[in-house]
Amino acid sequence: MGTGFWIILAVLAVLLLATGKTKNNGKSQGGTKNTASRIDHRHYLDPDEYECPRCGAKFRSNTMQCPNCGTRFTGTREDMTAYDDELEEELDMDEWDEEEK
């Protein structure tokens, strides 16, 4: 029983060490703690606006750092919802104008 105990203890120690190396102790990997991809809200008629995914702040300046919380943007992703809505509204208005003539 003495040898079995030490084998089990050694296996548990190895497993504990192996899982401890995969965790990052609450730190972000590669210094990406305060970085994110900026959300670009494209518009058909209005000026484009940008959004920070961390704090939700919306702003008009094309900057790669959030003016509200300081998050650095490492990339962008586009949200075309407002663009599509404005374009559809504009096309509907054009059709309505054509029907009036």
C-alpha atoms as a PDB file:
ATOM      1  CA  MET A   1       0.000   0.000   0.000  1.00  0.00           C
ATOM      2  CA  GLY A   2       2.926   2.363   0.612  1.00  0.00           C
ATOM      3  CA  THR A   3       4.180   2.204  -2.997  1.00  0.00           C
ATOM      4  CA  GLY A   4       0.681   2.647  -4.448  1.00  0.00           C
ATOM      5  CA  PHE A   5       0.174   5.742  -2.333  1.00  0.00           C
ATOM      6  CA  TRP A   6       3.379   7.331  -3.648  1.00  0.00           C
ATOM      7  CA  ILE A   7       2.489   6.495  -7.269  1.00  0.00           C
ATOM      8  CA  ILE A   8      -0.936   8.075  -6.911  1.00  0.00           C
ATOM      9  CA  LEU A   9       0.579  11.110  -5.229  1.00  0.00           C
ATOM     10  CA  ALA A  10       3.157  11.465  -8.032  1.00  0.00           C
ATOM     11  CA  VAL A  11       0.445  11.197 -10.718  1.00  0.00           C
ATOM     12  CA  LEU A  12      -1.652  13.837  -8.968  1.00  0.00           C
ATOM     13  CA  ALA A  13       1.377  16.119  -8.681  1.00  0.00           C
ATOM     14  CA  VAL A  14       2.118  15.762 -12.408  1.00  0.00           C
ATOM     15  CA  LEU A  15      -1.522  16.483 -13.280  1.00  0.00           C
ATOM     16  CA  LEU A  16      -1.554  19.510 -11.009  1.00  0.00           C
ATOM     17  CA  LEU A  17       1.609  20.890 -12.589  1.00  0.00           C
ATOM     18  CA  ALA A  18       0.317  20.208 -16.111  1.00  0.00           C
ATOM     19  CA  THR A  19      -2.953  22.043 -15.511  1.00  0.00           C
ATOM     20  CA  GLY A  20      -1.171  24.890 -13.748  1.00  0.00           C
ATOM     21  CA  LYS A  21       0.878  25.628 -16.867  1.00  0.00           C
ATOM     22  CA  THR A  22      -2.175  25.904 -19.124  1.00  0.00           C
ATOM     23  CA  LYS A  23      -3.858  28.469 -16.902  1.00  0.00           C
ATOM     24  CA  ASN A  24      -2.632  32.024 -17.035  1.00  0.00           C
ATOM     25  CA  ASN A  25      -3.321  33.008 -13.410  1.00  0.00           C
ATOM     26  CA  GLY A  26      -5.786  35.733 -14.458  1.00  0.00           C
ATOM     27  CA  LYS A  27      -3.372  37.440 -16.818  1.00  0.00           C
ATOM     28  CA  SER A  28      -4.142  37.847 -20.480  1.00  0.00           C
ATOM     29  CA  GLN A  29      -1.905  36.188 -23.018  1.00  0.00           C
ATOM     30  CA  GLY A  30       0.336  38.402 -25.121  1.00  0.00           C
ATOM     31  CA  GLY A  31      -0.713  41.636 -23.409  1.00  0.00           C
ATOM     32  CA  THR A  32      -4.152  41.667 -25.068  1.00  0.00           C
ATOM     33  CA  LYS A  33      -6.020  42.587 -21.881  1.00  0.00           C
ATOM     34  CA  ASN A  34      -6.919  46.077 -23.049  1.00  0.00           C
ATOM     35  CA  THR A  35      -7.368  45.429 -26.776  1.00  0.00           C
ATOM     36  CA  ALA A  36     -10.361  44.595 -28.970  1.00  0.00           C
ATOM     37  CA  SER A  37     -11.738  44.918 -32.507  1.00  0.00           C
ATOM     38  CA  ARG A  38     -13.540  48.215 -33.078  1.00  0.00           C
ATOM     39  CA  ILE A  39     -17.074  48.020 -34.491  1.00  0.00           C
ATOM     40  CA  ASP A  40     -17.546  50.258 -37.534  1.00  0.00           C
ATOM     41  CA  HIS A  41     -21.180  51.269 -38.050  1.00  0.00           C
ATOM     42  CA  ARG A  42     -21.412  52.235 -41.718  1.00  0.00           C
ATOM     43  CA  HIS A  43     -24.123  54.648 -42.876  1.00  0.00           C
ATOM     44  CA  TYR A  44     -25.548  55.431 -46.298  1.00  0.00           C
ATOM     45  CA  LEU A  45     -26.507  59.041 -45.595  1.00  0.00           C
ATOM     46  CA  ASP A  46     -25.109  59.926 -42.177  1.00  0.00           C
ATOM     47  CA  PRO A  47     -21.427  60.007 -41.233  1.00  0.00           C
ATOM     48  CA  ASP A  48     -20.051  56.654 -40.109  1.00  0.00           C
ATOM     49  CA  GLU A  49     -19.756  56.033 -36.399  1.00  0.00           C
ATOM     50  CA  TYR A  50     -17.570  53.700 -34.406  1.00  0.00           C
ATOM     51  CA  GLU A  51     -18.207  51.677 -31.255  1.00  0.00           C
ATOM     52  CA  CYS A  52     -15.999  50.270 -28.535  1.00  0.00           C
ATOM     53  CA  PRO A  53     -16.961  46.644 -27.795  1.00  0.00           C
ATOM     54  CA  ARG A  54     -15.595  46.915 -24.243  1.00  0.00           C
ATOM     55  CA  CYS A  55     -17.491  49.927 -22.864  1.00  0.00           C
ATOM     56  CA  GLY A  56     -20.107  50.451 -25.614  1.00  0.00           C
ATOM     57  CA  ALA A  57     -19.121  54.071 -26.276  1.00  0.00           C
ATOM     58  CA  LYS A  58     -19.993  55.384 -29.753  1.00  0.00           C
ATOM     59  CA  PHE A  59     -17.886  58.071 -31.390  1.00  0.00           C
ATOM     60  CA  ARG A  60     -17.416  59.712 -34.806  1.00  0.00           C
ATOM     61  CA  SER A  61     -13.628  59.973 -34.986  1.00  0.00           C
ATOM     62  CA  ASN A  62     -11.817  57.235 -36.901  1.00  0.00           C
ATOM     63  CA  THR A  63      -9.365  56.431 -34.123  1.00  0.00           C
ATOM     64  CA  MET A  64      -7.777  53.152 -33.066  1.00  0.00           C
ATOM     65  CA  GLN A  65      -8.212  53.867 -29.356  1.00  0.00           C
ATOM     66  CA  CYS A  66     -11.471  54.337 -27.453  1.00  0.00           C
ATOM     67  CA  PRO A  67     -11.806  57.944 -26.292  1.00  0.00           C
ATOM     68  CA  ASN A  68     -13.911  56.747 -23.332  1.00  0.00           C
ATOM     69  CA  CYS A  69     -12.068  53.778 -21.778  1.00  0.00           C
ATOM     70  CA  GLY A  70      -8.711  53.779 -23.618  1.00  0.00           C
ATOM     71  CA  THR A  71      -9.050  50.304 -25.163  1.00  0.00           C
ATOM     72  CA  ARG A  72      -6.640  49.903 -28.073  1.00  0.00           C
ATOM     73  CA  PHE A  73      -8.265  48.498 -31.212  1.00  0.00           C
ATOM     74  CA  THR A  74      -6.260  45.813 -32.968  1.00  0.00           C
ATOM     75  CA  GLY A  75      -8.683  45.517 -35.865  1.00  0.00           C
ATOM     76  CA  THR A  76     -12.137  46.416 -37.079  1.00  0.00           C
ATOM     77  CA  ARG A  77     -15.364  44.678 -37.978  1.00  0.00           C
ATOM     78  CA  GLU A  78     -18.187  46.252 -39.911  1.00  0.00           C
ATOM     79  CA  ASP A  79     -21.831  46.512 -38.923  1.00  0.00           C
ATOM     80  CA  MET A  80     -23.825  47.324 -42.056  1.00  0.00           C
ATOM     81  CA  THR A  81     -27.266  47.354 -40.376  1.00  0.00           C
ATOM     82  CA  ALA A  82     -27.664  51.148 -40.377  1.00  0.00           C
ATOM     83  CA  TYR A  83     -26.326  51.385 -43.940  1.00  0.00           C
ATOM     84  CA  ASP A  84     -28.836  48.828 -45.201  1.00  0.00           C
ATOM     85  CA  ASP A  85     -31.727  50.485 -43.337  1.00  0.00           C
ATOM     86  CA  GLU A  86     -30.868  53.954 -44.679  1.00  0.00           C
ATOM     87  CA  LEU A  87     -30.416  52.652 -48.223  1.00  0.00           C
ATOM     88  CA  GLU A  88     -33.760  50.849 -48.101  1.00  0.00           C
ATOM     89  CA  GLU A  89     -35.459  53.968 -46.766  1.00  0.00           C
ATOM     90  CA  GLU A  90     -33.901  56.069 -49.528  1.00  0.00           C
ATOM     91  CA  LEU A  91     -35.003  53.608 -52.205  1.00  0.00           C
ATOM     92  CA  ASP A  92     -38.525  53.556 -50.762  1.00  0.00           C
ATOM     93  CA  MET A  93     -38.615  57.359 -50.916  1.00  0.00           C
ATOM     94  CA  ASP A  94     -37.460  57.281 -54.548  1.00  0.00           C
ATOM     95  CA  GLU A  95     -40.223  54.788 -55.406  1.00  0.00           C
ATOM     96  CA  TRP A  96     -42.777  56.951 -53.624  1.00  0.00           C
ATOM     97  CA  ASP A  97     -41.587  60.020 -55.584  1.00  0.00           C
ATOM     98  CA  GLU A  98     -41.923  58.079 -58.854  1.00  0.00           C
ATOM     99  CA  GLU A  99     -45.498  57.065 -57.996  1.00  0.00           C
ATOM    100  CA  GLU A 100     -46.449  60.687 -57.311  1.00  0.00           C
ATOM    101  CA  LYS A 101     -45.403  61.797 -60.825  1.00  0.00           C
END
